[in-house]
N, C-alpha and C. Protein backbone atom coordinates (compact mmCIF):
# COMPACT_ATOMS: atom_id res chain seq x y z
N MET A 1 114.62 34.96 143.96
CA MET A 1 113.90 34.00 143.15
C MET A 1 112.55 34.60 142.72
N ALA A 2 112.22 34.44 141.46
CA ALA A 2 110.98 34.99 140.92
C ALA A 2 109.78 34.17 141.40
N ASN A 3 108.66 34.79 141.43
CA ASN A 3 107.43 34.16 141.87
C ASN A 3 107.00 33.12 140.82
N PHE A 4 106.82 31.88 141.24
CA PHE A 4 106.46 30.80 140.32
C PHE A 4 105.10 31.04 139.67
N ALA A 5 104.13 31.52 140.45
CA ALA A 5 102.79 31.75 139.92
C ALA A 5 102.81 32.81 138.82
N ALA A 6 103.62 33.85 139.00
CA ALA A 6 103.72 34.90 137.97
C ALA A 6 104.34 34.35 136.70
N LYS A 7 105.38 33.52 136.84
CA LYS A 7 106.01 32.90 135.66
C LYS A 7 105.04 31.99 134.93
N ALA A 8 104.28 31.21 135.67
CA ALA A 8 103.32 30.30 135.06
C ALA A 8 102.23 31.08 134.33
N ALA A 9 101.78 32.18 134.91
CA ALA A 9 100.74 32.99 134.27
C ALA A 9 101.24 33.58 132.95
N VAL A 10 102.47 34.04 132.91
CA VAL A 10 103.04 34.60 131.68
C VAL A 10 103.14 33.53 130.61
N LYS A 11 103.56 32.34 130.98
CA LYS A 11 103.68 31.25 130.01
C LYS A 11 102.32 30.80 129.49
N LEU A 12 101.32 30.74 130.36
CA LEU A 12 99.97 30.35 129.93
C LEU A 12 99.37 31.41 128.99
N GLU A 13 99.59 32.68 129.29
CA GLU A 13 99.09 33.74 128.41
C GLU A 13 99.77 33.66 127.05
N ARG A 14 101.05 33.39 127.02
CA ARG A 14 101.78 33.24 125.75
C ARG A 14 101.22 32.06 124.95
N ALA A 15 100.89 30.97 125.61
CA ALA A 15 100.32 29.80 124.93
C ALA A 15 98.95 30.12 124.33
N VAL A 16 98.12 30.86 125.07
CA VAL A 16 96.81 31.24 124.55
C VAL A 16 96.97 32.12 123.32
N ARG A 17 97.92 33.06 123.35
CA ARG A 17 98.16 33.94 122.20
C ARG A 17 98.58 33.14 120.97
N LYS A 18 99.35 32.09 121.16
CA LYS A 18 99.79 31.27 120.02
C LYS A 18 98.63 30.50 119.39
N LEU A 19 97.67 30.09 120.19
CA LEU A 19 96.52 29.35 119.70
C LEU A 19 95.42 30.25 119.14
N ALA A 20 95.48 31.53 119.45
CA ALA A 20 94.38 32.45 119.16
C ALA A 20 94.32 32.88 117.70
N ASP A 21 93.11 33.25 117.31
CA ASP A 21 92.84 33.89 116.02
C ASP A 21 92.56 35.37 116.30
N ASN A 22 92.74 36.20 115.30
CA ASN A 22 92.39 37.61 115.44
C ASN A 22 90.91 37.79 115.19
N CYS A 23 90.32 38.74 115.90
CA CYS A 23 88.91 39.06 115.68
C CYS A 23 88.70 40.55 115.90
N GLN A 24 87.58 41.04 115.39
CA GLN A 24 87.17 42.41 115.63
C GLN A 24 86.14 42.35 116.75
N PHE A 25 86.42 43.01 117.86
CA PHE A 25 85.63 42.91 119.08
C PHE A 25 84.87 44.21 119.32
N THR A 26 83.56 44.11 119.50
CA THR A 26 82.71 45.28 119.72
C THR A 26 82.02 45.16 121.08
N PRO A 27 82.39 46.00 122.04
CA PRO A 27 81.74 45.95 123.35
C PRO A 27 80.27 46.39 123.27
N ALA A 28 79.43 45.75 124.05
CA ALA A 28 78.01 46.09 124.09
C ALA A 28 77.79 47.44 124.75
N SER A 29 78.75 47.91 125.53
CA SER A 29 78.63 49.19 126.23
C SER A 29 78.79 50.38 125.30
N GLY A 30 79.12 50.11 124.03
CA GLY A 30 79.29 51.19 123.06
C GLY A 30 80.71 51.68 122.96
N GLY A 31 81.65 50.97 123.54
CA GLY A 31 83.06 51.36 123.45
C GLY A 31 83.61 51.18 122.05
N ALA A 32 84.85 51.55 121.89
CA ALA A 32 85.50 51.47 120.59
C ALA A 32 85.70 50.02 120.14
N VAL A 33 85.58 49.81 118.85
CA VAL A 33 85.84 48.49 118.26
C VAL A 33 87.35 48.27 118.27
N VAL A 34 87.77 47.11 118.76
CA VAL A 34 89.20 46.81 118.86
C VAL A 34 89.49 45.44 118.24
N ASN A 35 90.73 45.24 117.87
CA ASN A 35 91.19 43.93 117.43
C ASN A 35 91.78 43.23 118.64
N ARG A 36 91.38 42.00 118.85
CA ARG A 36 91.94 41.22 119.96
C ARG A 36 91.95 39.76 119.57
N CYS A 37 92.60 38.96 120.38
CA CYS A 37 92.71 37.54 120.05
C CYS A 37 91.59 36.76 120.74
N VAL A 38 91.17 35.70 120.06
CA VAL A 38 90.11 34.83 120.57
C VAL A 38 90.48 33.40 120.21
N VAL A 39 90.18 32.49 121.10
CA VAL A 39 90.38 31.07 120.84
C VAL A 39 89.02 30.40 120.79
N PRO A 40 88.50 30.12 119.58
CA PRO A 40 87.24 29.37 119.50
C PRO A 40 87.50 27.93 119.95
N LEU A 41 86.75 27.48 120.92
CA LEU A 41 86.97 26.15 121.49
C LEU A 41 86.11 25.12 120.76
N ALA A 42 86.72 24.04 120.39
CA ALA A 42 86.00 22.96 119.71
C ALA A 42 85.15 22.21 120.73
N THR A 43 83.88 22.08 120.41
CA THR A 43 82.97 21.36 121.30
C THR A 43 82.18 20.34 120.50
N HIS A 44 81.59 19.42 121.20
CA HIS A 44 80.82 18.34 120.57
C HIS A 44 79.42 18.32 121.17
N PRO A 45 78.44 17.81 120.44
CA PRO A 45 77.09 17.73 121.00
C PRO A 45 77.06 16.86 122.25
N ASP A 46 76.28 17.28 123.21
CA ASP A 46 76.10 16.51 124.44
C ASP A 46 74.97 15.51 124.19
N THR A 47 75.34 14.27 123.92
CA THR A 47 74.34 13.26 123.58
C THR A 47 73.56 12.76 124.79
N SER A 48 73.99 13.14 125.99
CA SER A 48 73.25 12.72 127.18
C SER A 48 72.00 13.57 127.38
N GLN A 49 71.92 14.71 126.71
CA GLN A 49 70.76 15.59 126.81
C GLN A 49 69.86 15.38 125.59
N GLU A 50 68.68 14.94 125.83
CA GLU A 50 67.76 14.62 124.73
C GLU A 50 67.34 15.86 123.94
N TYR A 51 67.20 17.01 124.58
CA TYR A 51 66.65 18.18 123.93
C TYR A 51 67.70 19.22 123.55
N ILE A 52 68.97 18.87 123.52
CA ILE A 52 70.03 19.80 123.10
C ILE A 52 70.77 19.18 121.92
N PRO A 53 70.25 19.33 120.70
CA PRO A 53 70.88 18.69 119.55
C PRO A 53 72.13 19.40 119.04
N GLN A 54 72.27 20.69 119.33
CA GLN A 54 73.40 21.46 118.81
C GLN A 54 74.55 21.47 119.81
N PRO A 55 75.79 21.44 119.32
CA PRO A 55 76.91 21.61 120.25
C PRO A 55 76.97 23.05 120.74
N VAL A 56 77.45 23.25 121.94
CA VAL A 56 77.62 24.58 122.50
C VAL A 56 78.90 25.16 121.93
N THR A 57 78.85 26.41 121.46
CA THR A 57 80.04 27.06 120.92
C THR A 57 80.60 28.01 121.96
N MET A 58 81.92 27.93 122.18
CA MET A 58 82.58 28.73 123.20
C MET A 58 83.80 29.41 122.63
N ALA A 59 84.14 30.55 123.23
CA ALA A 59 85.31 31.31 122.82
C ALA A 59 86.05 31.81 124.07
N GLU A 60 87.37 31.78 124.00
CA GLU A 60 88.20 32.19 125.13
C GLU A 60 88.90 33.51 124.80
N PHE A 61 88.86 34.46 125.74
CA PHE A 61 89.48 35.77 125.58
C PHE A 61 90.46 36.00 126.72
N LEU A 62 91.56 36.70 126.43
CA LEU A 62 92.52 37.06 127.46
C LEU A 62 92.01 38.26 128.25
N LEU A 63 92.08 38.19 129.57
CA LEU A 63 91.66 39.29 130.41
C LEU A 63 92.61 40.47 130.31
N SER A 64 93.87 40.22 129.96
CA SER A 64 94.84 41.30 129.85
C SER A 64 94.55 42.24 128.69
N GLU A 65 93.71 41.82 127.73
CA GLU A 65 93.37 42.66 126.59
C GLU A 65 92.14 43.53 126.85
N GLY A 66 91.50 43.36 127.98
CA GLY A 66 90.35 44.18 128.32
C GLY A 66 89.19 43.35 128.82
N ALA A 67 88.17 44.06 129.25
CA ALA A 67 86.98 43.41 129.81
C ALA A 67 86.16 42.73 128.73
N VAL A 68 85.48 41.66 129.11
CA VAL A 68 84.58 40.92 128.23
C VAL A 68 83.28 40.73 129.00
N ASN A 69 82.15 41.06 128.35
CA ASN A 69 80.85 40.98 129.02
C ASN A 69 79.83 40.32 128.12
N CYS A 70 78.71 39.89 128.71
CA CYS A 70 77.59 39.37 127.93
C CYS A 70 77.12 40.43 126.95
N ASP A 71 76.65 39.98 125.80
CA ASP A 71 76.15 40.82 124.71
C ASP A 71 77.25 41.52 123.92
N ASP A 72 78.53 41.40 124.30
CA ASP A 72 79.60 41.89 123.44
C ASP A 72 79.58 41.07 122.16
N GLN A 73 80.04 41.66 121.06
CA GLN A 73 80.05 40.96 119.78
C GLN A 73 81.47 40.88 119.23
N PHE A 74 81.71 39.83 118.45
CA PHE A 74 83.00 39.71 117.78
C PHE A 74 82.79 39.04 116.43
N GLN A 75 83.73 39.29 115.52
CA GLN A 75 83.68 38.67 114.21
C GLN A 75 84.93 37.84 114.03
N LEU A 76 84.73 36.55 113.84
CA LEU A 76 85.84 35.64 113.58
C LEU A 76 86.32 35.80 112.14
N GLY A 77 87.61 35.69 111.94
CA GLY A 77 88.16 35.71 110.60
C GLY A 77 88.14 37.05 109.92
N VAL A 78 87.92 38.13 110.67
CA VAL A 78 87.86 39.45 110.07
C VAL A 78 89.26 40.01 109.82
N VAL A 79 90.16 39.82 110.77
CA VAL A 79 91.49 40.40 110.69
C VAL A 79 92.51 39.29 110.50
N ASP A 80 93.34 39.41 109.46
CA ASP A 80 94.38 38.42 109.27
C ASP A 80 95.64 38.84 110.03
N ASP A 81 96.72 38.07 109.89
CA ASP A 81 97.94 38.35 110.63
C ASP A 81 98.59 39.67 110.26
N LEU A 82 98.28 40.19 109.08
CA LEU A 82 98.85 41.46 108.63
C LEU A 82 97.98 42.65 109.04
N GLY A 83 96.88 42.38 109.73
CA GLY A 83 95.99 43.45 110.17
C GLY A 83 95.00 43.89 109.12
N GLU A 84 94.86 43.13 108.03
CA GLU A 84 93.94 43.48 106.97
C GLU A 84 92.58 42.82 107.22
N PHE A 85 91.52 43.51 106.85
CA PHE A 85 90.17 43.01 107.09
C PHE A 85 89.71 42.14 105.93
N GLN A 86 88.99 41.09 106.26
CA GLN A 86 88.39 40.18 105.28
C GLN A 86 86.92 40.53 105.13
N ALA A 87 86.36 40.25 103.97
CA ALA A 87 84.97 40.64 103.69
C ALA A 87 83.95 39.75 104.39
N SER A 88 84.12 38.45 104.34
CA SER A 88 83.11 37.55 104.89
C SER A 88 83.54 37.01 106.24
N ALA A 89 82.73 37.30 107.25
CA ALA A 89 83.03 36.81 108.59
C ALA A 89 81.73 36.65 109.36
N ALA A 90 81.72 35.68 110.24
CA ALA A 90 80.54 35.42 111.06
C ALA A 90 80.51 36.39 112.24
N LEU A 91 79.38 37.04 112.44
CA LEU A 91 79.19 37.93 113.58
C LEU A 91 78.64 37.09 114.73
N CYS A 92 79.29 37.18 115.88
CA CYS A 92 78.92 36.36 117.04
C CYS A 92 78.64 37.26 118.24
N ARG A 93 77.72 36.80 119.09
CA ARG A 93 77.37 37.53 120.32
C ARG A 93 77.60 36.63 121.51
N LEU A 94 78.26 37.17 122.54
CA LEU A 94 78.51 36.42 123.76
C LEU A 94 77.24 36.36 124.58
N THR A 95 76.89 35.17 125.04
CA THR A 95 75.62 35.00 125.74
C THR A 95 75.76 34.69 127.23
N GLN A 96 76.72 33.84 127.59
CA GLN A 96 76.81 33.40 128.99
C GLN A 96 78.25 33.07 129.32
N ILE A 97 78.66 33.46 130.51
CA ILE A 97 80.01 33.13 130.95
C ILE A 97 80.05 31.63 131.28
N TYR A 98 81.13 30.98 130.87
CA TYR A 98 81.27 29.56 131.10
C TYR A 98 82.34 29.28 132.15
N GLN A 99 83.47 29.97 132.02
CA GLN A 99 84.59 29.72 132.93
C GLN A 99 85.47 30.96 132.99
N VAL A 100 86.03 31.25 134.14
CA VAL A 100 86.94 32.38 134.28
C VAL A 100 88.07 31.97 135.22
N ASP A 101 89.27 32.44 134.91
CA ASP A 101 90.41 32.26 135.79
C ASP A 101 91.23 33.54 135.78
N SER A 102 92.42 33.52 136.29
CA SER A 102 93.21 34.75 136.39
C SER A 102 93.78 35.21 135.05
N ILE A 103 93.75 34.36 134.02
CA ILE A 103 94.35 34.68 132.73
C ILE A 103 93.31 34.94 131.66
N SER A 104 92.26 34.13 131.63
CA SER A 104 91.30 34.24 130.54
C SER A 104 89.87 34.00 131.03
N VAL A 105 88.94 34.29 130.12
CA VAL A 105 87.53 34.05 130.38
C VAL A 105 86.96 33.33 129.16
N VAL A 106 86.09 32.37 129.42
CA VAL A 106 85.45 31.60 128.35
C VAL A 106 83.96 31.91 128.38
N TYR A 107 83.43 32.29 127.21
CA TYR A 107 82.01 32.60 127.06
C TYR A 107 81.38 31.68 126.04
N ILE A 108 80.10 31.40 126.25
CA ILE A 108 79.30 30.72 125.24
C ILE A 108 78.83 31.80 124.28
N TYR A 109 78.87 31.49 122.98
CA TYR A 109 78.42 32.50 122.01
C TYR A 109 77.49 31.87 120.98
N VAL A 110 76.75 32.76 120.31
CA VAL A 110 75.88 32.35 119.22
C VAL A 110 76.21 33.21 117.99
N GLU A 111 76.05 32.61 116.81
CA GLU A 111 76.22 33.39 115.57
C GLU A 111 74.92 34.11 115.29
N ILE A 112 75.04 35.40 114.92
CA ILE A 112 73.83 36.18 114.61
C ILE A 112 73.88 36.68 113.18
């Protein structure tokens, strides 16, 4: 009998890939620029906080595609499904880790 946890992890990773958009990812360490998938998470403003008028923007990355660290940058909407680059895309920088599990990591990011 196969390990249930391993089967569940494979299915969850497949689900994240289906929801993901392609992006051009640039590590802050100076590594090579790569194409990888990212899931921008929809968030809403926290109205309970008086001094935080903007919603927090978050993005989820698969750990199986490589390491993700603070100050890494990515561009949303740069690479389409055919692998072709688009001219206009928002450049984003990862600022703070929000959540991590065995499959993915979620970071807060800002557009620069």
